[in-house]
Amino acid sequence: STLPLPVHAQAGAGPTSATSTQGTASTTATGGWGSTLTDGQVLTHVATATGFVVLYRTEPGWGTLTIRDGAGGTVLASINCAAAATSGNMWTSAALSDASHTLHITSTGTTRVEMVMPTRSTKVRTWPAGWGGATTDDFMDNADRALDLIDKLDTAGTLGLVLVATGTNDDAEYATDIPALLAAIS
């Protein structure tokens, strides 16, 4: 079987994207391609899966995400997003039949979906938090890009490996920024 990959919540522009969303792009999200949804807006993703994991952001005063299996289908979860500002929050579905599912995520009030991970007969999960054009400082200064998620995975005991990829954007800062990023991850 193939390893299911997560999709970023914003349709179209992201590296791998949700099937559709009525929201607007937000860089304040794990991986930098979140979708801010307002009251009544919907994000959908179609995948052959035995379950789903949804990453979302919380903010004081925000609303609720309702997750359904199909349009008007069974409610899988209702997630209150009104809490301290943080990214990388995770909801994991119960087991679903091994079939094609259309996940419908509807917002009541303002919410932000960050990524959707279809799961299928594997314990391996890969969460790509890279962001083209970003520097190491961007990740250290904005915990929502990756550090919030790393912290939550570590706290849950499900963090196995973190790969740090660098590029020419950090060229003059390697000597100080890379050790600082590694310390932040540690």
N, C-alpha and C. Protein backbone atom coordinates (compact mmCIF):
# COMPACT_ATOMS: atom_id res chain seq x y z
N SER A 1 0.84 -1.19 0.00
CA SER A 1 0.00 0.00 0.00
C SER A 1 0.89 1.25 0.00
N THR A 2 0.33 2.34 -0.42
CA THR A 2 1.09 3.58 -0.45
C THR A 2 0.98 4.29 0.88
N LEU A 3 2.02 5.05 1.21
CA LEU A 3 2.03 5.81 2.45
C LEU A 3 1.21 7.07 2.26
N PRO A 4 0.12 7.26 3.02
CA PRO A 4 -0.69 8.46 2.86
C PRO A 4 0.09 9.69 3.31
N LEU A 5 -0.02 10.76 2.57
CA LEU A 5 0.67 11.99 2.91
C LEU A 5 -0.33 13.04 3.36
N PRO A 6 0.08 13.93 4.26
CA PRO A 6 -0.81 14.99 4.69
C PRO A 6 -0.97 16.02 3.58
N VAL A 7 -2.07 16.73 3.62
CA VAL A 7 -2.29 17.83 2.68
C VAL A 7 -2.43 19.11 3.48
N HIS A 8 -1.91 20.19 2.92
CA HIS A 8 -2.08 21.48 3.55
C HIS A 8 -3.54 21.91 3.39
N ALA A 9 -4.02 22.74 4.31
CA ALA A 9 -5.43 23.07 4.35
C ALA A 9 -5.87 24.03 3.26
N GLN A 10 -4.96 24.75 2.66
CA GLN A 10 -5.35 25.71 1.62
C GLN A 10 -5.38 25.03 0.26
N ALA A 11 -6.48 25.15 -0.43
CA ALA A 11 -6.60 24.55 -1.76
C ALA A 11 -5.77 25.34 -2.76
N GLY A 12 -5.17 24.63 -3.70
CA GLY A 12 -4.53 25.29 -4.83
C GLY A 12 -3.08 25.69 -4.64
N ALA A 13 -2.81 26.70 -3.85
CA ALA A 13 -1.47 27.30 -3.82
C ALA A 13 -0.42 26.48 -3.09
N GLY A 14 -0.79 25.70 -2.10
CA GLY A 14 0.18 24.97 -1.30
C GLY A 14 0.87 23.86 -2.05
N PRO A 15 1.96 23.31 -1.47
CA PRO A 15 2.70 22.23 -2.13
C PRO A 15 1.83 21.00 -2.38
N THR A 16 1.09 20.57 -1.39
CA THR A 16 0.06 19.53 -1.55
C THR A 16 -1.15 20.09 -0.84
N SER A 17 -2.30 20.04 -1.49
CA SER A 17 -3.42 20.83 -1.01
C SER A 17 -4.69 20.03 -0.77
N ALA A 18 -5.52 20.58 0.10
CA ALA A 18 -6.84 20.01 0.34
C ALA A 18 -7.61 20.02 -0.97
N THR A 19 -8.62 19.16 -1.07
CA THR A 19 -9.42 19.08 -2.29
C THR A 19 -10.09 20.43 -2.57
N SER A 20 -10.67 21.05 -1.56
CA SER A 20 -11.27 22.37 -1.76
C SER A 20 -11.43 23.07 -0.43
N THR A 21 -11.45 24.38 -0.47
CA THR A 21 -11.72 25.16 0.73
C THR A 21 -12.34 26.49 0.34
N GLN A 22 -13.23 26.98 1.19
CA GLN A 22 -13.81 28.29 1.00
C GLN A 22 -13.06 29.33 1.81
N GLY A 23 -12.05 28.92 2.55
CA GLY A 23 -11.33 29.83 3.43
C GLY A 23 -10.28 30.65 2.69
N THR A 24 -9.55 31.44 3.46
CA THR A 24 -8.47 32.25 2.91
C THR A 24 -7.14 31.74 3.45
N ALA A 25 -6.09 31.88 2.64
CA ALA A 25 -4.77 31.37 3.00
C ALA A 25 -4.23 32.08 4.23
N SER A 26 -3.56 31.32 5.09
CA SER A 26 -2.93 31.89 6.28
C SER A 26 -1.56 31.27 6.45
N THR A 27 -0.54 32.13 6.60
CA THR A 27 0.81 31.62 6.85
C THR A 27 1.02 31.30 8.32
N THR A 28 0.09 31.73 9.19
CA THR A 28 0.18 31.42 10.62
C THR A 28 -0.45 30.05 10.83
N ALA A 29 0.29 29.03 10.45
CA ALA A 29 -0.20 27.66 10.52
C ALA A 29 0.97 26.72 10.33
N THR A 30 0.88 25.52 10.89
CA THR A 30 1.91 24.52 10.68
C THR A 30 2.14 24.35 9.19
N GLY A 31 3.38 24.48 8.76
CA GLY A 31 3.70 24.36 7.34
C GLY A 31 3.42 25.61 6.54
N GLY A 32 2.77 26.62 7.14
CA GLY A 32 2.56 27.89 6.48
C GLY A 32 1.48 27.94 5.43
N TRP A 33 0.64 26.92 5.32
CA TRP A 33 -0.43 26.91 4.32
C TRP A 33 -1.78 26.58 4.94
N GLY A 34 -2.12 27.25 6.04
CA GLY A 34 -3.39 27.02 6.69
C GLY A 34 -4.53 27.69 5.96
N SER A 35 -5.74 27.33 6.33
CA SER A 35 -6.94 27.94 5.76
C SER A 35 -7.79 28.51 6.88
N THR A 36 -7.95 29.83 6.87
CA THR A 36 -8.81 30.48 7.86
C THR A 36 -10.24 30.43 7.33
N LEU A 37 -11.11 29.80 8.10
CA LEU A 37 -12.51 29.65 7.72
C LEU A 37 -13.35 30.58 8.58
N THR A 38 -14.35 31.20 7.98
CA THR A 38 -15.31 32.00 8.72
C THR A 38 -16.62 31.24 8.81
N ASP A 39 -17.58 31.80 9.51
CA ASP A 39 -18.83 31.12 9.81
C ASP A 39 -19.49 30.51 8.57
N GLY A 40 -19.66 29.19 8.60
CA GLY A 40 -20.34 28.47 7.53
C GLY A 40 -19.43 28.00 6.40
N GLN A 41 -18.16 28.43 6.39
CA GLN A 41 -17.27 27.98 5.32
C GLN A 41 -16.82 26.54 5.55
N VAL A 42 -16.48 25.87 4.42
CA VAL A 42 -16.19 24.43 4.45
C VAL A 42 -14.88 24.12 3.75
N LEU A 43 -14.12 23.19 4.33
CA LEU A 43 -12.95 22.59 3.69
C LEU A 43 -13.28 21.12 3.48
N THR A 44 -12.98 20.58 2.30
CA THR A 44 -13.21 19.16 2.06
C THR A 44 -11.93 18.50 1.58
N HIS A 45 -11.81 17.21 1.88
CA HIS A 45 -10.69 16.44 1.34
C HIS A 45 -11.18 15.01 1.09
N VAL A 46 -10.88 14.51 -0.10
CA VAL A 46 -11.27 13.16 -0.50
C VAL A 46 -10.05 12.26 -0.46
N ALA A 47 -10.17 11.11 0.20
CA ALA A 47 -9.05 10.17 0.26
C ALA A 47 -9.57 8.77 0.58
N THR A 48 -8.87 7.77 0.07
CA THR A 48 -9.12 6.40 0.48
C THR A 48 -8.31 6.21 1.76
N ALA A 49 -9.02 6.01 2.86
CA ALA A 49 -8.37 6.01 4.16
C ALA A 49 -9.15 5.18 5.16
N THR A 50 -8.46 4.83 6.26
CA THR A 50 -9.12 4.15 7.37
C THR A 50 -9.26 5.10 8.56
N GLY A 51 -8.92 6.36 8.35
CA GLY A 51 -9.05 7.38 9.38
C GLY A 51 -8.40 8.67 8.93
N PHE A 52 -8.52 9.70 9.77
CA PHE A 52 -7.95 11.00 9.46
C PHE A 52 -7.39 11.64 10.73
N VAL A 53 -6.36 12.45 10.55
CA VAL A 53 -5.87 13.33 11.60
C VAL A 53 -5.97 14.74 11.03
N VAL A 54 -6.51 15.66 11.82
CA VAL A 54 -6.64 17.06 11.39
C VAL A 54 -5.85 17.93 12.35
N LEU A 55 -4.95 18.76 11.79
CA LEU A 55 -4.24 19.76 12.58
C LEU A 55 -5.01 21.07 12.48
N TYR A 56 -5.12 21.77 13.61
CA TYR A 56 -5.86 23.03 13.63
C TYR A 56 -5.21 23.99 14.62
N ARG A 57 -5.55 25.26 14.49
CA ARG A 57 -5.03 26.30 15.38
C ARG A 57 -6.12 26.71 16.36
N THR A 58 -5.71 27.09 17.57
CA THR A 58 -6.64 27.66 18.53
C THR A 58 -6.28 29.13 18.77
N GLU A 59 -7.28 29.91 19.08
CA GLU A 59 -7.13 31.34 19.42
C GLU A 59 -8.27 31.69 20.37
N PRO A 60 -8.04 32.58 21.36
CA PRO A 60 -9.13 33.00 22.24
C PRO A 60 -10.28 33.60 21.41
N GLY A 61 -11.49 33.21 21.72
CA GLY A 61 -12.67 33.76 21.06
C GLY A 61 -13.03 33.11 19.74
N TRP A 62 -12.25 32.12 19.31
CA TRP A 62 -12.56 31.46 18.04
C TRP A 62 -13.73 30.49 18.21
N GLY A 63 -14.19 29.95 17.08
CA GLY A 63 -15.39 29.12 17.05
C GLY A 63 -15.11 27.63 17.11
N THR A 64 -15.93 26.88 16.36
CA THR A 64 -15.93 25.42 16.42
C THR A 64 -15.78 24.83 15.02
N LEU A 65 -15.04 23.75 14.92
CA LEU A 65 -14.95 22.96 13.69
C LEU A 65 -15.85 21.74 13.84
N THR A 66 -16.69 21.49 12.85
CA THR A 66 -17.49 20.27 12.83
C THR A 66 -16.97 19.41 11.69
N ILE A 67 -16.56 18.19 12.01
CA ILE A 67 -15.98 17.29 11.03
C ILE A 67 -16.97 16.17 10.76
N ARG A 68 -17.29 16.00 9.46
CA ARG A 68 -18.26 14.98 9.04
C ARG A 68 -17.63 14.04 8.01
N ASP A 69 -18.14 12.83 7.97
CA ASP A 69 -17.77 11.87 6.93
C ASP A 69 -18.83 12.00 5.84
N GLY A 70 -18.55 12.85 4.86
CA GLY A 70 -19.50 13.11 3.78
C GLY A 70 -20.35 14.33 4.07
N ALA A 71 -20.85 14.94 3.00
CA ALA A 71 -21.72 16.12 3.14
C ALA A 71 -23.00 15.71 3.86
N GLY A 72 -23.28 16.33 4.98
CA GLY A 72 -24.46 15.96 5.76
C GLY A 72 -24.34 14.60 6.41
N GLY A 73 -23.14 14.01 6.36
CA GLY A 73 -22.93 12.67 6.89
C GLY A 73 -22.72 12.64 8.39
N THR A 74 -22.24 11.51 8.86
CA THR A 74 -22.02 11.29 10.28
C THR A 74 -21.03 12.31 10.84
N VAL A 75 -21.41 12.93 11.96
CA VAL A 75 -20.50 13.86 12.64
C VAL A 75 -19.43 13.03 13.34
N LEU A 76 -18.18 13.26 12.96
CA LEU A 76 -17.06 12.55 13.57
C LEU A 76 -16.53 13.30 14.78
N ALA A 77 -16.63 14.65 14.74
CA ALA A 77 -16.13 15.44 15.86
C ALA A 77 -16.66 16.86 15.79
N SER A 78 -16.69 17.48 16.96
CA SER A 78 -16.95 18.91 17.09
C SER A 78 -15.82 19.44 17.96
N ILE A 79 -14.99 20.33 17.40
CA ILE A 79 -13.78 20.78 18.07
C ILE A 79 -13.91 22.24 18.43
N ASN A 80 -13.80 22.55 19.72
CA ASN A 80 -13.82 23.92 20.20
C ASN A 80 -12.43 24.51 19.99
N CYS A 81 -12.33 25.57 19.18
CA CYS A 81 -11.03 26.18 18.86
C CYS A 81 -10.73 27.40 19.71
N ALA A 82 -11.56 27.67 20.72
CA ALA A 82 -11.35 28.82 21.60
C ALA A 82 -10.46 28.41 22.76
N ALA A 83 -9.18 28.69 22.62
CA ALA A 83 -8.19 28.37 23.66
C ALA A 83 -6.97 29.24 23.41
N ALA A 84 -5.94 29.05 24.23
CA ALA A 84 -4.70 29.81 24.05
C ALA A 84 -4.18 29.65 22.62
N ALA A 85 -3.59 30.71 22.08
CA ALA A 85 -3.10 30.71 20.71
C ALA A 85 -1.98 29.70 20.53
N THR A 86 -2.24 28.67 19.72
CA THR A 86 -1.23 27.66 19.42
C THR A 86 -1.62 26.89 18.18
N SER A 87 -0.60 26.45 17.44
CA SER A 87 -0.81 25.63 16.25
C SER A 87 -0.47 24.19 16.56
N GLY A 88 -0.71 23.32 15.59
CA GLY A 88 -0.34 21.92 15.73
C GLY A 88 -1.24 21.10 16.64
N ASN A 89 -2.43 21.64 16.98
CA ASN A 89 -3.39 20.84 17.75
C ASN A 89 -3.90 19.72 16.86
N MET A 90 -4.14 18.54 17.43
CA MET A 90 -4.52 17.38 16.62
C MET A 90 -5.82 16.75 17.07
N TRP A 91 -6.63 16.42 16.08
CA TRP A 91 -7.80 15.57 16.29
C TRP A 91 -7.57 14.32 15.46
N THR A 92 -7.83 13.15 16.07
CA THR A 92 -7.68 11.87 15.37
C THR A 92 -9.01 11.15 15.36
N SER A 93 -9.44 10.72 14.19
CA SER A 93 -10.72 10.02 14.07
C SER A 93 -10.63 8.61 14.63
N ALA A 94 -11.79 8.05 14.89
CA ALA A 94 -11.87 6.61 15.18
C ALA A 94 -11.67 5.88 13.84
N ALA A 95 -11.53 4.56 13.88
CA ALA A 95 -11.33 3.78 12.67
C ALA A 95 -12.54 3.91 11.74
N LEU A 96 -12.25 4.08 10.46
CA LEU A 96 -13.29 4.13 9.42
C LEU A 96 -13.12 2.93 8.50
N SER A 97 -14.13 2.61 7.71
CA SER A 97 -14.01 1.52 6.75
C SER A 97 -12.94 1.88 5.72
N ASP A 98 -12.24 0.88 5.22
CA ASP A 98 -11.18 1.10 4.23
C ASP A 98 -11.86 1.39 2.89
N ALA A 99 -12.11 2.67 2.65
CA ALA A 99 -12.86 3.09 1.46
C ALA A 99 -12.57 4.56 1.20
N SER A 100 -13.15 5.07 0.13
CA SER A 100 -13.03 6.50 -0.16
C SER A 100 -13.96 7.28 0.76
N HIS A 101 -13.41 8.30 1.41
CA HIS A 101 -14.18 9.15 2.31
C HIS A 101 -13.97 10.60 1.88
N THR A 102 -15.04 11.38 2.00
CA THR A 102 -14.94 12.82 1.77
C THR A 102 -15.11 13.49 3.12
N LEU A 103 -14.00 13.99 3.64
CA LEU A 103 -14.03 14.68 4.93
C LEU A 103 -14.55 16.09 4.71
N HIS A 104 -15.60 16.47 5.42
CA HIS A 104 -16.16 17.82 5.38
C HIS A 104 -15.87 18.49 6.71
N ILE A 105 -15.16 19.62 6.67
CA ILE A 105 -14.84 20.37 7.89
C ILE A 105 -15.52 21.73 7.77
N THR A 106 -16.51 21.96 8.63
CA THR A 106 -17.31 23.18 8.58
C THR A 106 -17.00 24.05 9.80
N SER A 107 -16.87 25.35 9.55
CA SER A 107 -16.55 26.30 10.62
C SER A 107 -17.82 26.97 11.14
N THR A 108 -17.90 27.08 12.45
CA THR A 108 -18.89 27.94 13.10
C THR A 108 -18.06 29.02 13.78
N GLY A 109 -18.18 30.26 13.32
CA GLY A 109 -17.30 31.32 13.77
C GLY A 109 -16.00 31.24 12.99
N THR A 110 -14.95 31.86 13.49
CA THR A 110 -13.64 31.84 12.84
C THR A 110 -12.81 30.67 13.36
N THR A 111 -12.18 29.93 12.44
CA THR A 111 -11.32 28.80 12.79
C THR A 111 -10.18 28.74 11.78
N ARG A 112 -9.19 27.91 12.06
CA ARG A 112 -8.11 27.71 11.08
C ARG A 112 -7.73 26.24 11.06
N VAL A 113 -7.86 25.62 9.89
CA VAL A 113 -7.40 24.25 9.67
C VAL A 113 -6.00 24.36 9.07
N GLU A 114 -5.07 23.54 9.56
CA GLU A 114 -3.68 23.60 9.11
C GLU A 114 -3.32 22.49 8.13
N MET A 115 -3.60 21.24 8.49
CA MET A 115 -3.32 20.10 7.62
C MET A 115 -4.34 19.01 7.86
N VAL A 116 -4.48 18.13 6.87
CA VAL A 116 -5.32 16.95 6.97
C VAL A 116 -4.46 15.75 6.60
N MET A 117 -4.43 14.74 7.47
CA MET A 117 -3.65 13.52 7.23
C MET A 117 -4.60 12.33 7.09
N PRO A 118 -4.77 11.81 5.87
CA PRO A 118 -5.50 10.55 5.74
C PRO A 118 -4.59 9.43 6.25
N THR A 119 -5.13 8.47 6.96
CA THR A 119 -4.32 7.35 7.46
C THR A 119 -4.83 6.05 6.84
N ARG A 120 -3.89 5.13 6.66
CA ARG A 120 -4.27 3.86 6.04
C ARG A 120 -3.27 2.78 6.36
N SER A 121 -3.58 1.94 7.33
CA SER A 121 -2.80 0.76 7.66
C SER A 121 -1.31 1.04 7.86
N THR A 122 -0.98 2.10 8.53
CA THR A 122 0.43 2.38 8.81
C THR A 122 0.52 3.18 10.10
N LYS A 123 1.61 3.00 10.81
CA LYS A 123 1.85 3.78 12.02
C LYS A 123 2.78 4.95 11.75
N VAL A 124 3.28 5.05 10.52
CA VAL A 124 4.21 6.13 10.16
C VAL A 124 3.43 7.35 9.70
N ARG A 125 3.77 8.49 10.26
CA ARG A 125 3.17 9.75 9.85
C ARG A 125 4.30 10.71 9.52
N THR A 126 4.17 11.44 8.44
CA THR A 126 5.16 12.43 8.04
C THR A 126 4.47 13.77 7.93
N TRP A 127 4.91 14.73 8.73
CA TRP A 127 4.30 16.07 8.73
C TRP A 127 5.28 17.07 8.13
N PRO A 128 5.09 17.48 6.88
CA PRO A 128 6.01 18.42 6.26
C PRO A 128 5.73 19.85 6.71
N ALA A 129 6.68 20.45 7.42
CA ALA A 129 6.48 21.81 7.91
C ALA A 129 7.37 22.80 7.16
N GLY A 130 8.04 22.34 6.10
CA GLY A 130 8.91 23.22 5.32
C GLY A 130 8.11 24.31 4.62
N TRP A 131 8.77 25.43 4.40
CA TRP A 131 8.11 26.55 3.77
C TRP A 131 9.09 27.24 2.85
N GLY A 132 8.85 27.19 1.54
CA GLY A 132 9.75 27.79 0.55
C GLY A 132 10.01 29.25 0.85
N GLY A 133 11.28 29.64 0.80
CA GLY A 133 11.66 31.03 1.02
C GLY A 133 11.89 31.39 2.48
N ALA A 134 11.58 30.47 3.39
CA ALA A 134 11.74 30.76 4.82
C ALA A 134 13.19 30.61 5.25
N THR A 135 13.55 31.33 6.30
CA THR A 135 14.86 31.19 6.91
C THR A 135 14.70 30.49 8.25
N THR A 136 15.81 30.09 8.85
CA THR A 136 15.77 29.47 10.17
C THR A 136 15.11 30.41 11.17
N ASP A 137 15.41 31.71 11.06
CA ASP A 137 14.79 32.70 11.96
C ASP A 137 13.27 32.65 11.88
N ASP A 138 12.71 32.43 10.66
CA ASP A 138 11.26 32.37 10.51
C ASP A 138 10.67 31.25 11.38
N PHE A 139 11.35 30.13 11.43
CA PHE A 139 10.85 29.00 12.23
C PHE A 139 11.03 29.24 13.72
N MET A 140 12.14 29.88 14.10
CA MET A 140 12.36 30.15 15.52
C MET A 140 11.45 31.27 16.03
N ASP A 141 11.18 32.27 15.19
CA ASP A 141 10.35 33.41 15.60
C ASP A 141 8.86 33.11 15.55
N ASN A 142 8.46 32.09 14.80
CA ASN A 142 7.05 31.75 14.62
C ASN A 142 6.84 30.28 14.95
N ALA A 143 6.57 30.00 16.21
CA ALA A 143 6.42 28.60 16.65
C ALA A 143 5.33 27.87 15.88
N ASP A 144 4.33 28.62 15.35
CA ASP A 144 3.24 27.97 14.62
C ASP A 144 3.73 27.26 13.36
N ARG A 145 4.87 27.65 12.81
CA ARG A 145 5.36 27.04 11.56
C ARG A 145 5.74 25.58 11.75
N ALA A 146 6.32 25.21 12.91
CA ALA A 146 6.73 23.82 13.13
C ALA A 146 6.93 23.47 14.59
N LEU A 147 7.46 24.40 15.39
CA LEU A 147 7.82 24.06 16.77
C LEU A 147 6.62 23.67 17.62
N ASP A 148 5.46 24.32 17.43
CA ASP A 148 4.25 23.92 18.18
C ASP A 148 3.92 22.46 17.92
N LEU A 149 3.95 22.04 16.65
CA LEU A 149 3.64 20.66 16.29
C LEU A 149 4.68 19.71 16.86
N ILE A 150 5.95 20.05 16.75
CA ILE A 150 7.02 19.20 17.30
C ILE A 150 6.81 19.00 18.80
N ASP A 151 6.47 20.08 19.51
CA ASP A 151 6.23 20.00 20.95
C ASP A 151 5.06 19.08 21.27
N LYS A 152 3.97 19.19 20.50
CA LYS A 152 2.79 18.34 20.75
C LYS A 152 3.07 16.87 20.45
N LEU A 153 3.80 16.61 19.37
CA LEU A 153 4.16 15.22 19.05
C LEU A 153 5.06 14.63 20.12
N ASP A 154 6.00 15.44 20.61
CA ASP A 154 6.91 14.99 21.65
C ASP A 154 6.15 14.70 22.94
N THR A 155 5.26 15.61 23.32
CA THR A 155 4.47 15.43 24.54
C THR A 155 3.61 14.17 24.47
N ALA A 156 3.09 13.87 23.27
CA ALA A 156 2.25 12.68 23.08
C ALA A 156 3.07 11.40 22.97
N GLY A 157 4.39 11.53 22.91
CA GLY A 157 5.24 10.34 22.79
C GLY A 157 5.22 9.74 21.40
N THR A 158 4.86 10.54 20.38
CA THR A 158 4.77 10.02 19.02
C THR A 158 5.79 10.64 18.08
N LEU A 159 6.75 11.39 18.62
CA LEU A 159 7.78 12.02 17.80
C LEU A 159 8.93 11.04 17.62
N GLY A 160 9.22 10.69 16.36
CA GLY A 160 10.30 9.75 16.12
C GLY A 160 11.54 10.40 15.57
N LEU A 161 11.38 11.32 14.64
CA LEU A 161 12.52 11.88 13.94
C LEU A 161 12.15 13.25 13.41
N VAL A 162 13.06 14.22 13.55
CA VAL A 162 12.88 15.54 12.97
C VAL A 162 14.03 15.77 12.00
N LEU A 163 13.69 16.05 10.75
CA LEU A 163 14.70 16.38 9.75
C LEU A 163 14.73 17.89 9.59
N VAL A 164 15.91 18.47 9.64
CA VAL A 164 16.08 19.90 9.43
C VAL A 164 16.78 20.07 8.08
N ALA A 165 16.08 20.69 7.14
CA ALA A 165 16.65 20.94 5.82
C ALA A 165 16.92 22.43 5.70
N THR A 166 18.09 22.77 5.23
CA THR A 166 18.44 24.18 5.09
C THR A 166 18.73 24.48 3.63
N GLY A 167 18.83 25.76 3.33
CA GLY A 167 19.10 26.18 1.96
C GLY A 167 19.86 27.48 1.94
N THR A 168 19.90 28.09 0.80
CA THR A 168 20.69 29.31 0.63
C THR A 168 20.09 30.51 1.34
N ASN A 169 18.83 30.46 1.74
CA ASN A 169 18.23 31.60 2.46
C ASN A 169 18.96 31.87 3.78
N ASP A 170 19.58 30.85 4.35
CA ASP A 170 20.28 30.99 5.63
C ASP A 170 21.78 31.18 5.47
N ASP A 171 22.24 31.37 4.28
CA ASP A 171 23.67 31.33 3.96
C ASP A 171 24.57 32.06 4.96
N ALA A 172 24.25 33.30 5.31
CA ALA A 172 25.13 34.07 6.19
C ALA A 172 24.89 33.79 7.67
N GLU A 173 23.88 33.03 8.00
CA GLU A 173 23.48 32.85 9.39
C GLU A 173 23.71 31.45 9.94
N TYR A 174 24.30 30.55 9.16
CA TYR A 174 24.46 29.17 9.60
C TYR A 174 25.10 29.04 10.98
N ALA A 175 26.16 29.77 11.22
CA ALA A 175 26.95 29.60 12.45
C ALA A 175 26.15 29.86 13.71
N THR A 176 25.17 30.75 13.66
CA THR A 176 24.38 31.05 14.86
C THR A 176 22.97 30.48 14.80
N ASP A 177 22.32 30.55 13.63
CA ASP A 177 20.91 30.17 13.55
C ASP A 177 20.67 28.66 13.61
N ILE A 178 21.50 27.89 12.94
CA ILE A 178 21.28 26.43 12.94
C ILE A 178 21.42 25.85 14.34
N PRO A 179 22.48 26.17 15.10
CA PRO A 179 22.53 25.66 16.47
C PRO A 179 21.34 26.13 17.32
N ALA A 180 20.87 27.35 17.11
CA ALA A 180 19.73 27.86 17.88
C ALA A 180 18.46 27.08 17.52
N LEU A 181 18.26 26.79 16.24
CA LEU A 181 17.09 26.01 15.82
C LEU A 181 17.17 24.60 16.39
N LEU A 182 18.32 23.97 16.32
CA LEU A 182 18.47 22.62 16.88
C LEU A 182 18.20 22.60 18.38
N ALA A 183 18.66 23.65 19.08
CA ALA A 183 18.38 23.75 20.51
C ALA A 183 16.89 23.91 20.77
N ALA A 184 16.21 24.70 19.95
CA ALA A 184 14.76 24.90 20.11
C ALA A 184 14.02 23.58 19.88
N ILE A 185 14.46 22.81 18.90
CA ILE A 185 13.82 21.52 18.64
C ILE A 185 14.10 20.54 19.77
N SER A 186 15.33 20.55 20.27
CA SER A 186 15.69 19.64 21.37
C SER A 186 14.90 19.96 22.63
